[in-house]
Amino acid sequence: MKKLLSLTLSLSLLFVSSIAGSAQDSSTTSKIAAKSISSRKRGPVFRANKEQVNQAQVILKTRGLYGGGTTGKLDDATRAGLKEYQRAEGLKVTGTLNKLTLEKMSIELTDKQKAM
């Protein structure tokens, strides 16, 4: 009986120690993964300038996709018009003036934008 109790206790301790080691390994792995994700640097963000937004608004207005004025601001109405334009032209529908959309609209890119 003592041998059975001793064997059970030994197996229990072995089981508990293996679980503790496993939990510690996964905690370390999580910390390493989180650090590598946060240490990745994001590239520069592509932004259209005011003049490009003005030109896009004129183009959208002539195609009947935008009813506002040429404000140079990427407001909700402009974004909605851009989404319709992008959908019609087979572009990725983002509602933003990204590089591909500007190029499709034949709007001149700045040197900085061309390098992106």
N, C-alpha and C. Protein backbone atom coordinates (compact mmCIF):
# COMPACT_ATOMS: atom_id res chain seq x y z
N MET A 1 0.81 -1.18 0.00
CA MET A 1 0.00 0.00 0.00
C MET A 1 0.86 1.25 0.00
N LYS A 2 1.97 1.23 0.80
CA LYS A 2 2.86 2.36 0.86
C LYS A 2 3.51 2.60 -0.50
N LYS A 3 3.83 1.49 -1.22
CA LYS A 3 4.47 1.62 -2.53
C LYS A 3 3.50 2.28 -3.52
N LEU A 4 2.23 1.92 -3.45
CA LEU A 4 1.23 2.48 -4.35
C LEU A 4 1.04 3.97 -4.08
N LEU A 5 0.99 4.33 -2.82
CA LEU A 5 0.85 5.73 -2.43
C LEU A 5 2.08 6.52 -2.86
N SER A 6 3.24 5.97 -2.65
CA SER A 6 4.48 6.61 -3.04
C SER A 6 4.55 6.80 -4.56
N LEU A 7 4.16 5.79 -5.33
CA LEU A 7 4.16 5.85 -6.78
C LEU A 7 3.18 6.92 -7.27
N THR A 8 2.00 6.97 -6.69
CA THR A 8 0.98 7.96 -7.06
C THR A 8 1.47 9.37 -6.78
N LEU A 9 2.08 9.56 -5.62
CA LEU A 9 2.60 10.86 -5.26
C LEU A 9 3.72 11.28 -6.21
N SER A 10 4.60 10.39 -6.56
CA SER A 10 5.70 10.68 -7.49
C SER A 10 5.18 11.07 -8.87
N LEU A 11 4.20 10.32 -9.36
CA LEU A 11 3.62 10.63 -10.67
C LEU A 11 2.90 11.98 -10.65
N SER A 12 2.23 12.28 -9.54
CA SER A 12 1.54 13.56 -9.41
C SER A 12 2.54 14.71 -9.45
N LEU A 13 3.63 14.58 -8.72
CA LEU A 13 4.66 15.62 -8.72
C LEU A 13 5.28 15.79 -10.11
N LEU A 14 5.52 14.70 -10.79
CA LEU A 14 6.08 14.73 -12.14
C LEU A 14 5.12 15.45 -13.09
N PHE A 15 3.84 15.15 -12.98
CA PHE A 15 2.82 15.76 -13.82
C PHE A 15 2.74 17.26 -13.57
N VAL A 16 2.71 17.67 -12.30
CA VAL A 16 2.62 19.09 -11.93
C VAL A 16 3.85 19.84 -12.41
N SER A 17 5.02 19.27 -12.27
CA SER A 17 6.24 19.96 -12.69
C SER A 17 6.31 20.10 -14.21
N SER A 18 5.80 19.11 -14.94
CA SER A 18 5.81 19.22 -16.40
C SER A 18 4.83 20.30 -16.87
N ILE A 19 3.69 20.44 -16.20
CA ILE A 19 2.73 21.49 -16.54
C ILE A 19 3.33 22.87 -16.24
N ALA A 20 3.99 23.01 -15.12
CA ALA A 20 4.60 24.28 -14.75
C ALA A 20 5.68 24.68 -15.76
N GLY A 21 6.47 23.73 -16.18
CA GLY A 21 7.51 24.01 -17.18
C GLY A 21 6.91 24.41 -18.51
N SER A 22 5.84 23.75 -18.88
CA SER A 22 5.15 24.07 -20.13
C SER A 22 4.56 25.47 -20.09
N ALA A 23 3.96 25.86 -18.98
CA ALA A 23 3.37 27.19 -18.84
C ALA A 23 4.45 28.26 -18.92
N GLN A 24 5.60 27.99 -18.33
CA GLN A 24 6.70 28.95 -18.35
C GLN A 24 7.22 29.11 -19.78
N ASP A 25 7.35 28.01 -20.53
CA ASP A 25 7.83 28.07 -21.91
C ASP A 25 6.87 28.88 -22.78
N SER A 26 5.56 28.67 -22.60
CA SER A 26 4.61 29.41 -23.43
C SER A 26 4.59 30.88 -23.05
N SER A 27 4.82 31.20 -21.79
CA SER A 27 4.88 32.59 -21.36
C SER A 27 6.08 33.27 -21.99
N THR A 28 7.21 32.61 -22.01
CA THR A 28 8.42 33.15 -22.62
C THR A 28 8.22 33.32 -24.12
N THR A 29 7.61 32.34 -24.76
CA THR A 29 7.35 32.42 -26.19
C THR A 29 6.43 33.60 -26.50
N SER A 30 5.42 33.82 -25.69
CA SER A 30 4.49 34.93 -25.89
C SER A 30 5.21 36.27 -25.78
N LYS A 31 6.09 36.38 -24.79
CA LYS A 31 6.84 37.63 -24.62
C LYS A 31 7.75 37.89 -25.81
N ILE A 32 8.39 36.86 -26.33
CA ILE A 32 9.28 37.01 -27.48
C ILE A 32 8.47 37.41 -28.71
N ALA A 33 7.33 36.78 -28.92
CA ALA A 33 6.48 37.09 -30.07
C ALA A 33 5.97 38.52 -29.99
N ALA A 34 5.55 38.95 -28.81
CA ALA A 34 5.04 40.31 -28.64
C ALA A 34 6.14 41.33 -28.90
N LYS A 35 7.34 41.04 -28.45
CA LYS A 35 8.45 41.96 -28.66
C LYS A 35 8.81 42.08 -30.13
N SER A 36 8.81 40.96 -30.85
CA SER A 36 9.17 41.02 -32.26
C SER A 36 8.11 41.74 -33.08
N ILE A 37 6.84 41.63 -32.69
CA ILE A 37 5.77 42.33 -33.40
C ILE A 37 5.89 43.83 -33.15
N SER A 38 6.12 44.24 -31.92
CA SER A 38 6.19 45.66 -31.61
C SER A 38 7.47 46.30 -32.11
N SER A 39 8.51 45.53 -32.34
CA SER A 39 9.77 46.11 -32.79
C SER A 39 9.82 46.31 -34.30
N ARG A 40 8.86 45.71 -35.04
CA ARG A 40 8.81 45.92 -36.48
C ARG A 40 8.40 47.35 -36.76
N LYS A 41 9.15 48.02 -37.62
CA LYS A 41 8.83 49.39 -37.95
C LYS A 41 7.97 49.44 -39.19
N ARG A 42 7.00 50.31 -39.15
CA ARG A 42 6.10 50.49 -40.27
C ARG A 42 6.72 51.52 -41.20
N GLY A 43 6.54 51.31 -42.48
CA GLY A 43 7.07 52.24 -43.47
C GLY A 43 6.31 53.55 -43.44
N PRO A 44 6.73 54.49 -44.27
CA PRO A 44 6.04 55.78 -44.31
C PRO A 44 4.60 55.63 -44.82
N VAL A 45 3.73 56.48 -44.33
CA VAL A 45 2.32 56.45 -44.70
C VAL A 45 2.13 57.32 -45.94
N PHE A 46 1.45 56.77 -46.96
CA PHE A 46 1.16 57.51 -48.18
C PHE A 46 0.01 58.46 -47.91
N ARG A 47 0.21 59.75 -48.20
CA ARG A 47 -0.84 60.74 -48.01
C ARG A 47 -0.93 61.62 -49.25
N ALA A 48 -2.16 61.86 -49.68
CA ALA A 48 -2.39 62.79 -50.78
C ALA A 48 -2.37 64.21 -50.21
N ASN A 49 -1.83 65.15 -51.00
CA ASN A 49 -1.82 66.54 -50.54
C ASN A 49 -3.12 67.23 -50.91
N LYS A 50 -3.29 68.47 -50.46
CA LYS A 50 -4.54 69.21 -50.65
C LYS A 50 -4.86 69.38 -52.14
N GLU A 51 -3.87 69.70 -52.94
CA GLU A 51 -4.09 69.90 -54.38
C GLU A 51 -4.55 68.60 -55.05
N GLN A 52 -3.97 67.48 -54.64
CA GLN A 52 -4.38 66.19 -55.19
C GLN A 52 -5.83 65.86 -54.81
N VAL A 53 -6.21 66.19 -53.59
CA VAL A 53 -7.58 65.95 -53.15
C VAL A 53 -8.53 66.85 -53.97
N ASN A 54 -8.13 68.11 -54.19
CA ASN A 54 -8.93 69.02 -55.02
C ASN A 54 -9.15 68.43 -56.41
N GLN A 55 -8.07 67.97 -57.03
CA GLN A 55 -8.16 67.40 -58.37
C GLN A 55 -9.06 66.16 -58.38
N ALA A 56 -8.93 65.33 -57.37
CA ALA A 56 -9.76 64.13 -57.28
C ALA A 56 -11.22 64.51 -57.13
N GLN A 57 -11.51 65.52 -56.33
CA GLN A 57 -12.89 65.96 -56.14
C GLN A 57 -13.50 66.45 -57.45
N VAL A 58 -12.71 67.17 -58.25
CA VAL A 58 -13.19 67.64 -59.56
C VAL A 58 -13.51 66.44 -60.46
N ILE A 59 -12.61 65.46 -60.48
CA ILE A 59 -12.82 64.26 -61.32
C ILE A 59 -14.07 63.51 -60.86
N LEU A 60 -14.20 63.33 -59.56
CA LEU A 60 -15.37 62.62 -59.01
C LEU A 60 -16.66 63.38 -59.33
N LYS A 61 -16.59 64.71 -59.26
CA LYS A 61 -17.76 65.53 -59.54
C LYS A 61 -18.18 65.40 -61.01
N THR A 62 -17.21 65.41 -61.92
CA THR A 62 -17.54 65.30 -63.34
C THR A 62 -18.13 63.92 -63.67
N ARG A 63 -17.78 62.92 -62.90
CA ARG A 63 -18.33 61.57 -63.12
C ARG A 63 -19.62 61.33 -62.33
N GLY A 64 -20.05 62.35 -61.61
CA GLY A 64 -21.30 62.23 -60.86
C GLY A 64 -21.18 61.41 -59.59
N LEU A 65 -19.98 61.28 -59.07
CA LEU A 65 -19.76 60.47 -57.87
C LEU A 65 -19.59 61.30 -56.61
N TYR A 66 -19.58 62.63 -56.77
CA TYR A 66 -19.35 63.52 -55.64
C TYR A 66 -20.16 64.78 -55.87
N GLY A 67 -20.88 65.24 -54.85
CA GLY A 67 -21.73 66.41 -55.00
C GLY A 67 -21.26 67.63 -54.24
N GLY A 68 -20.18 67.50 -53.49
CA GLY A 68 -19.69 68.61 -52.69
C GLY A 68 -18.79 69.56 -53.48
N GLY A 69 -18.21 70.49 -52.77
CA GLY A 69 -17.30 71.45 -53.38
C GLY A 69 -15.87 70.94 -53.36
N THR A 70 -14.99 71.69 -54.03
CA THR A 70 -13.57 71.33 -54.03
C THR A 70 -12.91 71.96 -52.81
N THR A 71 -12.94 71.23 -51.73
CA THR A 71 -12.45 71.73 -50.44
C THR A 71 -11.00 71.33 -50.17
N GLY A 72 -10.53 70.30 -50.86
CA GLY A 72 -9.19 69.80 -50.58
C GLY A 72 -9.14 68.93 -49.33
N LYS A 73 -10.30 68.63 -48.78
CA LYS A 73 -10.38 67.78 -47.57
C LYS A 73 -10.99 66.44 -47.92
N LEU A 74 -10.42 65.41 -47.37
CA LEU A 74 -10.89 64.04 -47.61
C LEU A 74 -12.03 63.74 -46.63
N ASP A 75 -13.19 64.36 -46.88
CA ASP A 75 -14.33 64.19 -45.99
C ASP A 75 -15.11 62.93 -46.35
N ASP A 76 -16.19 62.69 -45.62
CA ASP A 76 -16.97 61.47 -45.82
C ASP A 76 -17.55 61.38 -47.24
N ALA A 77 -18.03 62.51 -47.77
CA ALA A 77 -18.61 62.51 -49.12
C ALA A 77 -17.54 62.18 -50.17
N THR A 78 -16.34 62.71 -49.98
CA THR A 78 -15.24 62.42 -50.90
C THR A 78 -14.86 60.95 -50.82
N ARG A 79 -14.79 60.43 -49.62
CA ARG A 79 -14.46 59.01 -49.43
C ARG A 79 -15.50 58.09 -50.09
N ALA A 80 -16.77 58.47 -49.96
CA ALA A 80 -17.84 57.68 -50.58
C ALA A 80 -17.68 57.70 -52.11
N GLY A 81 -17.39 58.89 -52.65
CA GLY A 81 -17.18 59.01 -54.09
C GLY A 81 -15.97 58.21 -54.55
N LEU A 82 -14.91 58.23 -53.75
CA LEU A 82 -13.71 57.46 -54.08
C LEU A 82 -13.99 55.96 -54.09
N LYS A 83 -14.79 55.51 -53.14
CA LYS A 83 -15.14 54.08 -53.11
C LYS A 83 -15.88 53.68 -54.39
N GLU A 84 -16.81 54.52 -54.82
CA GLU A 84 -17.54 54.22 -56.05
C GLU A 84 -16.60 54.24 -57.26
N TYR A 85 -15.70 55.21 -57.29
CA TYR A 85 -14.72 55.30 -58.38
C TYR A 85 -13.84 54.05 -58.41
N GLN A 86 -13.33 53.69 -57.26
CA GLN A 86 -12.45 52.52 -57.16
C GLN A 86 -13.18 51.25 -57.58
N ARG A 87 -14.41 51.11 -57.17
CA ARG A 87 -15.20 49.94 -57.54
C ARG A 87 -15.39 49.90 -59.06
N ALA A 88 -15.70 51.05 -59.67
CA ALA A 88 -15.94 51.13 -61.11
C ALA A 88 -14.68 50.87 -61.92
N GLU A 89 -13.54 51.23 -61.36
CA GLU A 89 -12.27 51.07 -62.08
C GLU A 89 -11.55 49.76 -61.75
N GLY A 90 -12.14 48.94 -60.90
CA GLY A 90 -11.53 47.65 -60.57
C GLY A 90 -10.35 47.76 -59.62
N LEU A 91 -10.31 48.84 -58.85
CA LEU A 91 -9.24 49.01 -57.86
C LEU A 91 -9.70 48.48 -56.51
N LYS A 92 -8.76 48.32 -55.61
CA LYS A 92 -9.09 47.93 -54.24
C LYS A 92 -9.91 49.07 -53.63
N VAL A 93 -11.07 48.75 -53.09
CA VAL A 93 -11.99 49.76 -52.56
C VAL A 93 -11.56 50.12 -51.14
N THR A 94 -10.94 51.31 -51.00
CA THR A 94 -10.46 51.77 -49.71
C THR A 94 -11.09 53.09 -49.28
N GLY A 95 -11.54 53.88 -50.24
CA GLY A 95 -12.08 55.20 -49.91
C GLY A 95 -10.99 56.20 -49.60
N THR A 96 -9.75 55.87 -49.95
CA THR A 96 -8.64 56.79 -49.74
C THR A 96 -7.96 57.09 -51.07
N LEU A 97 -7.22 58.18 -51.08
CA LEU A 97 -6.46 58.53 -52.28
C LEU A 97 -5.07 57.90 -52.16
N ASN A 98 -4.99 56.62 -52.47
CA ASN A 98 -3.71 55.93 -52.43
C ASN A 98 -3.00 56.12 -53.77
N LYS A 99 -1.83 55.60 -53.87
CA LYS A 99 -1.00 55.78 -55.06
C LYS A 99 -1.69 55.26 -56.33
N LEU A 100 -2.25 54.07 -56.26
CA LEU A 100 -2.89 53.49 -57.44
C LEU A 100 -4.09 54.31 -57.91
N THR A 101 -4.87 54.81 -56.96
CA THR A 101 -6.04 55.61 -57.32
C THR A 101 -5.61 56.92 -57.97
N LEU A 102 -4.61 57.58 -57.40
CA LEU A 102 -4.11 58.82 -58.00
C LEU A 102 -3.58 58.56 -59.42
N GLU A 103 -2.84 57.48 -59.57
CA GLU A 103 -2.31 57.15 -60.90
C GLU A 103 -3.44 56.88 -61.89
N LYS A 104 -4.47 56.16 -61.46
CA LYS A 104 -5.60 55.84 -62.32
C LYS A 104 -6.35 57.11 -62.72
N MET A 105 -6.38 58.09 -61.82
CA MET A 105 -7.04 59.36 -62.10
C MET A 105 -6.14 60.31 -62.90
N SER A 106 -4.92 59.88 -63.19
CA SER A 106 -3.91 60.70 -63.90
C SER A 106 -3.57 61.97 -63.13
N ILE A 107 -3.51 61.85 -61.82
CA ILE A 107 -3.11 62.97 -60.96
C ILE A 107 -1.63 62.81 -60.66
N GLU A 108 -0.88 63.88 -60.89
CA GLU A 108 0.58 63.87 -60.72
C GLU A 108 0.97 63.56 -59.27
N LEU A 109 1.92 62.65 -59.12
CA LEU A 109 2.46 62.32 -57.79
C LEU A 109 3.66 63.20 -57.50
N THR A 110 3.89 63.48 -56.23
CA THR A 110 5.10 64.20 -55.84
C THR A 110 6.28 63.23 -55.91
N ASP A 111 7.49 63.78 -55.90
CA ASP A 111 8.68 62.92 -55.94
C ASP A 111 8.71 61.98 -54.74
N LYS A 112 8.31 62.48 -53.58
CA LYS A 112 8.29 61.66 -52.35
C LYS A 112 7.29 60.52 -52.51
N GLN A 113 6.13 60.80 -53.09
CA GLN A 113 5.11 59.77 -53.30
C GLN A 113 5.57 58.74 -54.33
N LYS A 114 6.28 59.19 -55.34
CA LYS A 114 6.77 58.26 -56.36
C LYS A 114 7.75 57.27 -55.77
N ALA A 115 8.51 57.70 -54.77
CA ALA A 115 9.53 56.85 -54.14
C ALA A 115 8.92 55.81 -53.21
N MET A 116 7.68 55.98 -52.83
CA MET A 116 7.03 55.05 -51.89
C MET A 116 6.60 53.78 -52.60
